[in-house]
C-alpha atoms as a PDB file:
ATOM      1  CA  MET A   1       0.000   0.000   0.000  1.00  0.00           C
ATOM      2  CA  GLU A   2       2.902   2.346   0.732  1.00  0.00           C
ATOM      3  CA  LYS A   3       4.244   1.918  -2.799  1.00  0.00           C
ATOM      4  CA  GLU A   4       0.778   2.622  -4.179  1.00  0.00           C
ATOM      5  CA  TRP A   5       0.599   5.884  -2.223  1.00  0.00           C
ATOM      6  CA  GLU A   6       4.099   6.869  -3.338  1.00  0.00           C
ATOM      7  CA  LYS A   7       3.044   6.354  -6.954  1.00  0.00           C
ATOM      8  CA  ARG A   8      -0.141   8.400  -6.441  1.00  0.00           C
ATOM      9  CA  PHE A   9       1.789  11.252  -4.843  1.00  0.00           C
ATOM     10  CA  ALA A  10       4.365  11.250  -7.643  1.00  0.00           C
ATOM     11  CA  GLU A  11       1.613  11.492 -10.272  1.00  0.00           C
ATOM     12  CA  LEU A  12      -0.281  14.190  -8.375  1.00  0.00           C
ATOM     13  CA  PHE A  13       2.771  16.383  -7.773  1.00  0.00           C
ATOM     14  CA  ALA A  14       3.854  15.999 -11.407  1.00  0.00           C
ATOM     15  CA  ARG A  15       0.400  17.028 -12.686  1.00  0.00           C
ATOM     16  CA  TYR A  16       0.334  20.077 -10.453  1.00  0.00           C
ATOM     17  CA  ASP A  17       3.870  21.039 -11.459  1.00  0.00           C
ATOM     18  CA  ALA A  18       2.825  20.926 -15.116  1.00  0.00           C
ATOM     19  CA  ARG A  19      -0.579  22.640 -14.814  1.00  0.00           C
ATOM     20  CA  GLN A  20      -0.512  24.665 -11.571  1.00  0.00           C
ATOM     21  CA  ILE A  21      -4.175  24.263 -10.715  1.00  0.00           C
ATOM     22  CA  TRP A  22      -5.502  23.335  -7.280  1.00  0.00           C
ATOM     23  CA  MET A  23      -5.449  19.595  -6.570  1.00  0.00           C
ATOM     24  CA  PHE A  24      -6.728  17.551  -3.642  1.00  0.00           C
ATOM     25  CA  THR A  25      -6.460  14.003  -2.407  1.00  0.00           C
ATOM     26  CA  SER A  26      -9.019  12.075  -0.406  1.00  0.00           C
ATOM     27  CA  PHE A  27      -8.422  11.784   3.353  1.00  0.00           C
ATOM     28  CA  LEU A  28      -5.033  10.344   4.264  1.00  0.00           C
ATOM     29  CA  ASP A  29      -4.592   8.038   7.225  1.00  0.00           C
ATOM     30  CA  LEU A  30      -1.353   7.974   9.223  1.00  0.00           C
ATOM     31  CA  ALA A  31       0.289   5.377   6.977  1.00  0.00           C
ATOM     32  CA  ALA A  32      -0.450   7.491   3.871  1.00  0.00           C
ATOM     33  CA  GLN A  33       0.853  10.612   5.626  1.00  0.00           C
ATOM     34  CA  ASP A  34       4.058   8.769   6.443  1.00  0.00           C
ATOM     35  CA  ALA A  35       4.376   7.705   2.800  1.00  0.00           C
ATOM     36  CA  LEU A  36       3.918  11.346   1.759  1.00  0.00           C
ATOM     37  CA  MET A  37       6.634  12.601   4.101  1.00  0.00           C
ATOM     38  CA  ARG A  38       9.030   9.923   2.895  1.00  0.00           C
ATOM     39  CA  SER A  39       8.286  10.793  -0.739  1.00  0.00           C
ATOM     40  CA  LEU A  40       8.677  14.576  -0.450  1.00  0.00           C
ATOM     41  CA  PRO A  41      12.476  14.723  -1.052  1.00  0.00           C
ATOM     42  CA  SER A  42      12.023  13.086  -4.470  1.00  0.00           C
ATOM     43  CA  LEU A  43       8.921  15.053  -5.518  1.00  0.00           C
ATOM     44  CA  PRO A  44       8.765  18.409  -7.363  1.00  0.00           C
ATOM     45  CA  ARG A  45       8.893  21.339  -4.955  1.00  0.00           C
ATOM     46  CA  VAL A  46       5.342  22.630  -4.984  1.00  0.00           C
ATOM     47  CA  PRO A  47       3.229  24.345  -2.281  1.00  0.00           C
ATOM     48  CA  TYR A  48       1.134  21.941  -0.247  1.00  0.00           C
ATOM     49  CA  THR A  49      -1.091  21.983   2.839  1.00  0.00           C
ATOM     50  CA  LEU A  50      -2.501  19.235   5.065  1.00  0.00           C
ATOM     51  CA  TYR A  51      -5.843  19.789   6.778  1.00  0.00           C
ATOM     52  CA  GLY A  52      -8.654  17.632   8.105  1.00  0.00           C
ATOM     53  CA  GLY A  53     -11.431  20.169   8.614  1.00  0.00           C
ATOM     54  CA  ALA A  54     -10.343  21.443  12.041  1.00  0.00           C
ATOM     55  CA  ASP A  55      -7.132  21.833  13.995  1.00  0.00           C
ATOM     56  CA  GLY A  56      -6.350  18.546  15.691  1.00  0.00           C
ATOM     57  CA  CYS A  57      -7.774  16.187  13.068  1.00  0.00           C
ATOM     58  CA  GLU A  58      -5.742  13.023  12.577  1.00  0.00           C
ATOM     59  CA  ARG A  59      -7.032  12.136   9.116  1.00  0.00           C
ATOM     60  CA  VAL A  60      -6.127  14.931   6.718  1.00  0.00           C
ATOM     61  CA  MET A  61      -6.515  15.899   3.083  1.00  0.00           C
ATOM     62  CA  LEU A  62      -3.562  16.988   0.949  1.00  0.00           C
ATOM     63  CA  ARG A  63      -4.000  20.170  -1.092  1.00  0.00           C
ATOM     64  CA  LEU A  64      -1.490  21.183  -3.750  1.00  0.00           C
ATOM     65  CA  GLY A  65      -1.386  24.823  -4.783  1.00  0.00           C
ATOM     66  CA  SER A  66      -1.312  28.393  -3.559  1.00  0.00           C
ATOM     67  CA  ALA A  67      -3.244  31.546  -4.351  1.00  0.00           C
ATOM     68  CA  GLU A  68      -0.067  33.083  -5.758  1.00  0.00           C
ATOM     69  CA  GLU A  69       0.524  30.269  -8.238  1.00  0.00           C
ATOM     70  CA  CYS A  70      -3.091  29.399  -9.080  1.00  0.00           C
ATOM     71  CA  GLY A  71      -4.399  32.973  -9.147  1.00  0.00           C
ATOM     72  CA  TYR A  72      -7.301  32.440  -6.731  1.00  0.00           C
ATOM     73  CA  GLU A  73      -8.137  30.933  -3.337  1.00  0.00           C
ATOM     74  CA  GLN A  74      -9.566  27.422  -3.076  1.00  0.00           C
ATOM     75  CA  PRO A  75     -10.790  26.103   0.294  1.00  0.00           C
ATOM     76  CA  PHE A  76     -10.615  22.444   1.214  1.00  0.00           C
ATOM     77  CA  PRO A  77     -13.720  20.571  -0.001  1.00  0.00           C
ATOM     78  CA  ILE A  78     -14.490  19.280   3.493  1.00  0.00           C
ATOM     79  CA  ALA A  79     -17.870  19.272   5.195  1.00  0.00           C
ATOM     80  CA  CYS A  80     -18.627  18.791   8.889  1.00  0.00           C
ATOM     81  CA  ILE A  81     -21.771  16.823   9.684  1.00  0.00           C
ATOM     82  CA  GLN A  82     -23.416  16.815  13.093  1.00  0.00           C
ATOM     83  CA  ILE A  83     -25.062  13.513  14.027  1.00  0.00           C
ATOM     84  CA  ARG A  84     -27.683  13.718  16.807  1.00  0.00           C
ATOM     85  CA  PRO A  85     -30.030  11.143  18.334  1.00  0.00           C
ATOM     86  CA  ALA A  86     -33.614  11.693  17.244  1.00  0.00           C
ATOM     87  CA  SER A  87     -34.567  11.240  20.904  1.00  0.00           C
ATOM     88  CA  LEU A  88     -32.058  11.638  23.742  1.00  0.00           C
ATOM     89  CA  ARG A  89     -34.328   9.625  26.004  1.00  0.00           C
ATOM     90  CA  PHE A  90     -33.975   6.457  23.922  1.00  0.00           C
ATOM     91  CA  ALA A  91     -30.435   7.024  22.664  1.00  0.00           C
ATOM     92  CA  GLU A  92     -27.746   4.387  23.199  1.00  0.00           C
ATOM     93  CA  HIS A  93     -24.183   5.229  24.144  1.00  0.00           C
ATOM     94  CA  LEU A  94     -22.554   5.249  20.725  1.00  0.00           C
ATOM     95  CA  THR A  95     -18.842   4.806  20.117  1.00  0.00           C
ATOM     96  CA  HIS A  96     -16.510   5.805  17.299  1.00  0.00           C
ATOM     97  CA  ARG A  97     -16.687   2.215  16.057  1.00  0.00           C
ATOM     98  CA  ASP A  98     -20.496   2.322  16.010  1.00  0.00           C
ATOM     99  CA  VAL A  99     -20.583   5.483  13.894  1.00  0.00           C
ATOM    100  CA  LEU A 100     -17.883   4.290  11.510  1.00  0.00           C
ATOM    101  CA  GLY A 101     -19.542   0.879  11.177  1.00  0.00           C
ATOM    102  CA  ALA A 102     -22.879   2.461  10.256  1.00  0.00           C
ATOM    103  CA  LEU A 103     -21.198   4.600   7.602  1.00  0.00           C
ATOM    104  CA  MET A 104     -19.236   1.705   6.134  1.00  0.00           C
ATOM    105  CA  SER A 105     -22.369  -0.460   5.996  1.00  0.00           C
ATOM    106  CA  LEU A 106     -23.928   2.211   3.795  1.00  0.00           C
ATOM    107  CA  GLY A 107     -21.108   1.714   1.307  1.00  0.00           C
ATOM    108  CA  PHE A 108     -18.952   4.768   1.999  1.00  0.00           C
ATOM    109  CA  GLU A 109     -15.257   4.230   1.328  1.00  0.00           C
ATOM    110  CA  ARG A 110     -13.030   5.055   4.287  1.00  0.00           C
ATOM    111  CA  GLU A 111     -10.881   7.504   2.342  1.00  0.00           C
ATOM    112  CA  LEU A 112     -13.957   9.704   1.755  1.00  0.00           C
ATOM    113  CA  LEU A 113     -14.400  10.070   5.511  1.00  0.00           C
ATOM    114  CA  GLY A 114     -12.224  12.089   7.847  1.00  0.00           C
ATOM    115  CA  ASP A 115     -12.214  12.181  11.632  1.00  0.00           C
ATOM    116  CA  ILE A 116     -15.227  11.097  13.648  1.00  0.00           C
ATOM    117  CA  ILE A 117     -15.539  12.839  17.006  1.00  0.00           C
ATOM    118  CA  VAL A 118     -18.009  11.285  19.426  1.00  0.00           C
ATOM    119  CA  ARG A 119     -19.455  13.397  22.225  1.00  0.00           C
ATOM    120  CA  GLU A 120     -22.139  12.646  24.804  1.00  0.00           C
ATOM    121  CA  LYS A 121     -25.037  14.211  22.894  1.00  0.00           C
ATOM    122  CA  SER A 122     -23.691  14.557  19.357  1.00  0.00           C
ATOM    123  CA  SER A 123     -21.090  13.131  17.034  1.00  0.00           C
ATOM    124  CA  TYR A 124     -19.260  15.044  14.329  1.00  0.00           C
ATOM    125  CA  LEU A 125     -18.071  13.657  11.019  1.00  0.00           C
ATOM    126  CA  PHE A 126     -15.705  15.279   8.548  1.00  0.00           C
ATOM    127  CA  CYS A 127     -16.170  14.069   5.000  1.00  0.00           C
ATOM    128  CA  ILE A 128     -15.503  15.059   1.412  1.00  0.00           C
ATOM    129  CA  GLU A 129     -17.993  17.771   0.547  1.00  0.00           C
ATOM    130  CA  ARG A 130     -19.521  16.022  -2.454  1.00  0.00           C
ATOM    131  CA  ILE A 131     -20.915  13.153  -0.360  1.00  0.00           C
ATOM    132  CA  ALA A 132     -22.204  15.307   2.530  1.00  0.00           C
ATOM    133  CA  GLN A 133     -25.807  15.468   1.370  1.00  0.00           C
ATOM    134  CA  PHE A 134     -25.884  11.749   0.652  1.00  0.00           C
ATOM    135  CA  VAL A 135     -24.579  11.063   4.161  1.00  0.00           C
ATOM    136  CA  THR A 136     -27.263  13.238   5.771  1.00  0.00           C
ATOM    137  CA  ASP A 137     -29.980  11.561   3.697  1.00  0.00           C
ATOM    138  CA  SER A 138     -28.733   7.991   4.210  1.00  0.00           C
ATOM    139  CA  LEU A 139     -27.505   7.859   7.793  1.00  0.00           C
ATOM    140  CA  THR A 140     -30.715   7.524   9.803  1.00  0.00           C
ATOM    141  CA  GLN A 141     -29.804   4.809  12.306  1.00  0.00           C
ATOM    142  CA  ILE A 142     -26.730   3.788  14.289  1.00  0.00           C
ATOM    143  CA  ARG A 143     -27.170   0.454  16.055  1.00  0.00           C
ATOM    144  CA  HIS A 144     -30.719   0.754  17.432  1.00  0.00           C
ATOM    145  CA  THR A 145     -30.658   4.551  17.748  1.00  0.00           C
ATOM    146  CA  ASP A 146     -32.461   6.739  15.226  1.00  0.00           C
ATOM    147  CA  VAL A 147     -30.298   9.720  14.300  1.00  0.00           C
ATOM    148  CA  ARG A 148     -30.643  13.015  12.462  1.00  0.00           C
ATOM    149  CA  CYS A 149     -27.786  14.509  10.454  1.00  0.00           C
ATOM    150  CA  SER A 150     -27.140  18.081   9.340  1.00  0.00           C
ATOM    151  CA  VAL A 151     -24.271  19.828   7.580  1.00  0.00           C
ATOM    152  CA  LEU A 152     -22.841  22.590   9.765  1.00  0.00           C
ATOM    153  CA  GLU A 153     -22.149  26.017   8.335  1.00  0.00           C
ATOM    154  CA  GLN A 154     -19.635  26.678  11.126  1.00  0.00           C
ATOM    155  CA  LEU A 155     -17.720  24.390  13.438  1.00  0.00           C
ATOM    156  CA  PRO A 156     -19.063  24.180  16.988  1.00  0.00           C
ATOM    157  CA  GLN A 157     -16.927  26.067  19.466  1.00  0.00           C
ATOM    158  CA  GLY A 158     -15.205  24.015  22.144  1.00  0.00           C
ATOM    159  CA  GLU A 159     -16.923  20.743  21.305  1.00  0.00           C
ATOM    160  CA  LEU A 160     -14.714  18.914  18.874  1.00  0.00           C
ATOM    161  CA  PHE A 161     -11.475  17.893  20.552  1.00  0.00           C
ATOM    162  CA  HIS A 162     -11.140  17.474  24.298  1.00  0.00           C
ATOM    163  CA  LEU A 163      -7.657  17.302  25.788  1.00  0.00           C
ATOM    164  CA  GLN A 164      -7.031  15.779  29.196  1.00  0.00           C
ATOM    165  CA  ARG A 165      -3.831  16.914  30.848  1.00  0.00           C
ATOM    166  CA  MET A 166      -1.809  14.109  32.399  1.00  0.00           C
ATOM    167  CA  VAL A 167       1.534  13.969  34.204  1.00  0.00           C
ATOM    168  CA  VAL A 168       3.527  10.728  34.362  1.00  0.00           C
ATOM    169  CA  GLN A 169       6.834  10.000  36.046  1.00  0.00           C
ATOM    170  CA  LEU A 170       9.497   8.572  33.772  1.00  0.00           C
ATOM    171  CA  ALA A 171      12.961   7.349  34.673  1.00  0.00           C
ATOM    172  CA  SER A 172      13.950   8.174  31.097  1.00  0.00           C
ATOM    173  CA  VAL A 173      11.979  10.317  28.638  1.00  0.00           C
ATOM    174  CA  ARG A 174      11.728   7.772  25.849  1.00  0.00           C
ATOM    175  CA  ILE A 175       8.766   7.199  23.599  1.00  0.00           C
ATOM    176  CA  ASP A 176       8.379   3.555  24.648  1.00  0.00           C
ATOM    177  CA  ALA A 177       8.258   4.492  28.348  1.00  0.00           C
ATOM    178  CA  LEU A 178       5.856   7.357  27.665  1.00  0.00           C
ATOM    179  CA  ILE A 179       3.444   5.189  25.666  1.00  0.00           C
ATOM    180  CA  ALA A 180       3.570   2.455  28.301  1.00  0.00           C
ATOM    181  CA  HIS A 181       2.714   4.847  31.150  1.00  0.00           C
ATOM    182  CA  VAL A 182       0.012   6.844  29.368  1.00  0.00           C
ATOM    183  CA  PHE A 183      -1.843   3.884  27.856  1.00  0.00           C
ATOM    184  CA  LYS A 184      -1.272   1.490  30.783  1.00  0.00           C
ATOM    185  CA  LEU A 185       0.862  -0.959  28.825  1.00  0.00           C
ATOM    186  CA  SER A 186       3.995  -2.881  29.672  1.00  0.00           C
ATOM    187  CA  ARG A 187       7.264  -1.592  28.267  1.00  0.00           C
ATOM    188  CA  THR A 188       7.449  -4.721  26.095  1.00  0.00           C
ATOM    189  CA  GLN A 189       3.954  -4.089  24.692  1.00  0.00           C
ATOM    190  CA  ALA A 190       4.893  -0.483  23.867  1.00  0.00           C
ATOM    191  CA  GLN A 191       8.071  -1.601  22.116  1.00  0.00           C
ATOM    192  CA  THR A 192       6.118  -4.199  20.133  1.00  0.00           C
ATOM    193  CA  LEU A 193       3.756  -1.489  18.873  1.00  0.00           C
ATOM    194  CA  ILE A 194       6.727   0.648  17.822  1.00  0.00           C
ATOM    195  CA  THR A 195       8.423  -2.247  16.024  1.00  0.00           C
ATOM    196  CA  ALA A 196       5.152  -3.053  14.234  1.00  0.00           C
ATOM    197  CA  GLY A 197       4.958   0.491  12.818  1.00  0.00           C
ATOM    198  CA  ARG A 198       1.866   1.393  14.830  1.00  0.00           C
ATOM    199  CA  VAL A 199       3.337   4.499  16.478  1.00  0.00           C
ATOM    200  CA  PHE A 200       3.449   7.827  14.646  1.00  0.00           C
ATOM    201  CA  VAL A 201       4.978  11.187  15.531  1.00  0.00           C
ATOM    202  CA  ASN A 202       3.418  14.110  13.649  1.00  0.00           C
ATOM    203  CA  GLY A 203       2.227  11.714  10.965  1.00  0.00           C
ATOM    204  CA  ARG A 204       5.582   9.949  10.573  1.00  0.00           C
ATOM    205  CA  VAL A 205       6.036   6.352  11.637  1.00  0.00           C
ATOM    206  CA  CYS A 206       8.480   6.038  14.540  1.00  0.00           C
ATOM    207  CA  LEU A 207      10.526   2.823  14.804  1.00  0.00           C
ATOM    208  CA  ASP A 208      12.998   4.108  17.400  1.00  0.00           C
ATOM    209  CA  HIS A 209      12.181   2.795  20.885  1.00  0.00           C
ATOM    210  CA  GLY A 210      14.421   5.415  22.454  1.00  0.00           C
ATOM    211  CA  TYR A 211      13.113   8.445  20.572  1.00  0.00           C
ATOM    212  CA  THR A 212      12.782  11.532  22.786  1.00  0.00           C
ATOM    213  CA  PRO A 213       9.592  13.484  21.924  1.00  0.00           C
ATOM    214  CA  LYS A 214       9.745  17.231  21.381  1.00  0.00           C
ATOM    215  CA  ALA A 215       7.319  19.847  22.690  1.00  0.00           C
ATOM    216  CA  ASP A 216       3.988  19.978  20.778  1.00  0.00           C
ATOM    217  CA  GLU A 217       4.606  16.818  18.808  1.00  0.00           C
ATOM    218  CA  VAL A 218       1.520  14.628  18.410  1.00  0.00           C
ATOM    219  CA  LEU A 219       2.055  10.962  19.191  1.00  0.00           C
ATOM    220  CA  SER A 220      -0.501   8.546  17.729  1.00  0.00           C
ATOM    221  CA  VAL A 221      -0.673   4.890  18.751  1.00  0.00           C
ATOM    222  CA  ARG A 222      -2.992   2.841  16.560  1.00  0.00           C
ATOM    223  CA  GLY A 223      -5.642   1.085  18.581  1.00  0.00           C
ATOM    224  CA  HIS A 224      -4.909   3.066  21.743  1.00  0.00           C
ATOM    225  CA  GLY A 225      -5.188   6.811  21.130  1.00  0.00           C
ATOM    226  CA  ARG A 226      -3.047   9.876  20.737  1.00  0.00           C
ATOM    227  CA  MET A 227      -1.515  12.630  22.800  1.00  0.00           C
ATOM    228  CA  ARG A 228       0.256  15.940  22.432  1.00  0.00           C
ATOM    229  CA  TYR A 229       3.615  15.965  24.182  1.00  0.00           C
ATOM    230  CA  ILE A 230       4.093  18.971  26.458  1.00  0.00           C
ATOM    231  CA  GLY A 231       7.425  18.253  28.123  1.00  0.00           C
ATOM    232  CA  VAL A 232       9.258  17.686  31.392  1.00  0.00           C
ATOM    233  CA  GLU A 233       7.914  20.064  34.036  1.00  0.00           C
ATOM    234  CA  SER A 234      10.011  19.086  37.059  1.00  0.00           C
ATOM    235  CA  MET A 235      12.041  16.337  38.672  1.00  0.00           C
ATOM    236  CA  SER A 236      10.841  14.133  41.496  1.00  0.00           C
ATOM    237  CA  LYS A 237      12.826  13.618  44.689  1.00  0.00           C
ATOM    238  CA  LYS A 238      13.892  10.246  43.300  1.00  0.00           C
ATOM    239  CA  GLY A 239      15.221  11.826  40.118  1.00  0.00           C
ATOM    240  CA  LYS A 240      12.351  10.897  37.824  1.00  0.00           C
ATOM    241  CA  SER A 241      10.990  13.287  35.191  1.00  0.00           C
ATOM    242  CA  ASN A 242       7.471  14.627  35.785  1.00  0.00           C
ATOM    243  CA  THR A 243       6.395  14.604  32.144  1.00  0.00           C
ATOM    244  CA  ALA A 244       3.203  16.316  30.950  1.00  0.00           C
ATOM    245  CA  VAL A 245       1.072  15.311  27.984  1.00  0.00           C
ATOM    246  CA  ALA A 246      -2.378  16.276  26.697  1.00  0.00           C
ATOM    247  CA  LEU A 247      -4.407  13.179  25.920  1.00  0.00           C
ATOM    248  CA  TYR A 248      -7.068  13.336  23.195  1.00  0.00           C
ATOM    249  CA  ILE A 249     -10.315  11.958  24.641  1.00  0.00           C
END
C-alpha cells in the first residue's frame, strides 16, 4: 500500500507542477501521511497543505497549490456533519466504532471520511464535501438509535477535541516508556507497537524505541489513542521526570 501511495503522490505532484491548478487528495490516514513525508524529497517542490477540517484532526486531506501560483483561493472541499439522536431519552451510548460501522455499511469508502468525534449528545463527522448530502440523507440509524444529520455552516466552538492533561513520572523520557505509562501498557507491549509500525509522531512512523519526543509533537498509537507531548515540568525527589502530555479523549 505504501508503494501505491508513493506512486499516487508522484503522479499528483507531477500534474500540479505541469498545470498549476488546485489539486486535492481524499483523506489520508497515518500510513499514507508517512508515505507522503518519505516521498517529499524526491517530488517536485510545490506548495502543499494538510488539513482535516479542524485543527487537531488526525485524518487529513492533501491540497497542492497556492493563491499566488493558481491565481485564486480554493478552500478544502471538506464538510462537517453533526449527528444527533432523534430522541435523547432512547439514545444508546454510541462509540466511534459504532458510527464508523454504520457509515461503512452504507457503502462509503473510508478515504472519503475524515475524523469522527463522538461526544455525549452529538457526534461530528468530517467528510468530502460532495458526499455530505448523501450522508445526511442515508444515515438515519446507528445500532438501534435513530439519528438526524445536518451539515454545519460553522464548526461548533469548544466541542470537537477534548484534551485531558496528564503527568507521568518517567525514569527516562523515551517514547516507549511514555506510551507504556500513558496507555497502561507494559514496556514490552509499547516496544512491540513501535516495532510493528503502529506508532506515529506528527504523521511519521516512529521505529525508534528510544526516541525523545519534542514539545507539541503529536504521538498517535494505533488502537490506543493519541496525545500531544508537552514536556518535562520538574524532577521528582527520586530523580524521575514529571512529564506532561495532553491526551485526546
